[in-house]
């Protein structure tokens, strides 16, 4: 069952998509129309996303992941914004340690 993005995931997406390029702008506009449709099985906060395609336009052609970044503190971790067909499809976080990251770190610490 689809659910709303958490405020922390939304803040992370907004921080990662803060650029003024056309791809970031289009993906940012999709956030209000995006729902969580799945989760990672390892216990981390990675989410699979689905955008209401009747309410938002696709982003222009781009690489995948569309955006990536990392955290030095409080975790050594990376974060990716993945897309399919120009629409948000996943917000993934991965750790360089063996422990899954179970809460979104403060987006102010994202380095791109």
Protein backbone atom coordinates (compact mmCIF):
# COMPACT_ATOMS: atom_id res chain seq x y z
CA UNK A 1 0.00 0.00 0.00
CA UNK A 2 1.34 3.42 -0.95
CA UNK A 3 2.10 5.92 1.79
CA UNK A 4 3.27 9.50 2.00
CA UNK A 5 6.94 10.37 2.02
CA UNK A 6 8.21 11.01 5.52
CA UNK A 7 9.25 14.59 6.31
CA UNK A 8 12.86 13.37 6.60
CA UNK A 9 12.83 11.68 3.18
CA UNK A 10 11.17 14.76 1.68
CA UNK A 11 13.85 17.02 3.19
CA UNK A 12 16.57 14.72 1.84
CA UNK A 13 15.09 14.80 -1.67
CA UNK A 14 14.73 18.59 -1.54
CA UNK A 15 18.37 18.98 -0.44
CA UNK A 16 19.64 16.67 -3.17
CA UNK A 17 17.51 18.34 -5.86
CA UNK A 18 18.29 21.94 -4.86
CA UNK A 19 20.16 22.64 -8.12
CA UNK A 20 18.75 25.00 -10.73
CA UNK A 21 19.27 22.64 -13.66
CA UNK A 22 16.16 21.45 -15.58
CA UNK A 23 16.40 17.85 -14.33
CA UNK A 24 16.58 18.84 -10.65
CA UNK A 25 13.77 21.34 -11.12
CA UNK A 26 11.49 18.77 -12.77
CA UNK A 27 12.21 16.10 -10.16
CA UNK A 28 11.70 18.60 -7.34
CA UNK A 29 8.26 19.43 -8.79
CA UNK A 30 7.36 15.73 -8.61
CA UNK A 31 7.84 15.47 -4.82
CA UNK A 32 4.28 16.55 -3.86
CA UNK A 33 2.94 13.84 -6.18
CA UNK A 34 5.25 11.07 -4.95
CA UNK A 35 4.34 8.16 -2.71
CA UNK A 36 6.37 5.39 -1.06
CA UNK A 37 5.49 2.02 -2.62
CA UNK A 38 8.23 -0.17 -1.13
CA UNK A 39 11.10 -0.41 1.31
CA UNK A 40 14.48 -2.08 1.41
CA UNK A 41 14.53 -5.46 3.12
CA UNK A 42 17.75 -4.82 5.06
CA UNK A 43 16.14 -2.44 7.54
CA UNK A 44 17.59 0.79 6.14
CA UNK A 45 15.40 3.78 5.23
CA UNK A 46 15.73 3.33 1.44
CA UNK A 47 12.34 3.73 -0.23
CA UNK A 48 10.88 2.83 -3.62
CA UNK A 49 8.87 5.70 -5.05
CA UNK A 50 6.02 6.18 -7.46
CA UNK A 51 4.92 9.50 -8.95
CA UNK A 52 1.38 10.27 -10.07
CA UNK A 53 2.19 10.74 -13.75
CA UNK A 54 -1.08 12.53 -14.38
CA UNK A 55 -0.04 15.28 -11.94
CA UNK A 56 3.63 15.81 -12.81
CA UNK A 57 5.73 16.02 -15.97
CA UNK A 58 8.79 13.81 -16.50
CA UNK A 59 12.27 15.23 -16.14
CA UNK A 60 14.34 15.79 -19.29
CA UNK A 61 16.67 12.98 -20.31
CA UNK A 62 19.43 12.41 -17.73
CA UNK A 63 21.83 9.89 -16.23
CA UNK A 64 20.76 7.48 -13.51
CA UNK A 65 21.19 8.02 -10.65
CA UNK A 66 19.96 11.52 -11.30
CA UNK A 67 21.73 12.86 -8.22
CA UNK A 68 24.08 11.42 -5.64
CA UNK A 69 25.68 12.66 -2.49
CA UNK A 70 27.23 11.53 0.73
CA UNK A 71 27.42 12.08 4.44
CA UNK A 72 30.65 12.26 6.42
CA UNK A 73 28.84 12.77 9.71
CA UNK A 74 27.20 11.25 11.59
CA UNK A 75 27.57 8.32 9.15
CA UNK A 76 29.89 7.36 6.35
CA UNK A 77 27.12 6.88 3.82
CA UNK A 78 25.96 7.67 0.35
CA UNK A 79 22.56 8.66 -0.95
CA UNK A 80 21.12 8.33 -4.46
CA UNK A 81 18.06 9.66 -6.26
CA UNK A 82 17.07 7.12 -8.92
CA UNK A 83 14.57 7.60 -11.71
CA UNK A 84 12.69 5.59 -14.33
CA UNK A 85 11.36 7.23 -17.45
CA UNK A 86 12.01 10.70 -16.03
CA UNK A 87 10.15 10.06 -12.76
CA UNK A 88 11.43 9.54 -9.23
CA UNK A 89 11.71 5.80 -8.54
CA UNK A 90 13.91 5.42 -5.44
CA UNK A 91 15.66 7.30 -2.69
CA UNK A 92 18.48 5.04 -1.60
CA UNK A 93 20.90 5.33 1.28
CA UNK A 94 23.83 3.00 1.74
CA UNK A 95 26.37 2.63 4.48
CA UNK A 96 30.04 1.76 4.19
CA UNK A 97 29.69 -0.18 7.46
CA UNK A 98 27.79 -3.40 8.05
CA UNK A 99 24.96 -1.65 9.89
CA UNK A 100 21.95 -0.34 7.93
CA UNK A 101 21.07 3.31 8.37
CA UNK A 102 17.67 3.31 10.05
CA UNK A 103 16.96 7.07 10.07
CA UNK A 104 17.59 9.76 7.49
CA UNK A 105 20.59 11.86 8.55
CA UNK A 106 20.17 15.62 8.67
CA UNK A 107 20.17 16.78 5.03
CA UNK A 108 22.33 19.79 5.96
CA UNK A 109 25.26 17.35 6.06
CA UNK A 110 24.86 16.06 2.49
CA UNK A 111 27.91 16.68 0.34
CA UNK A 112 27.47 16.61 -3.43
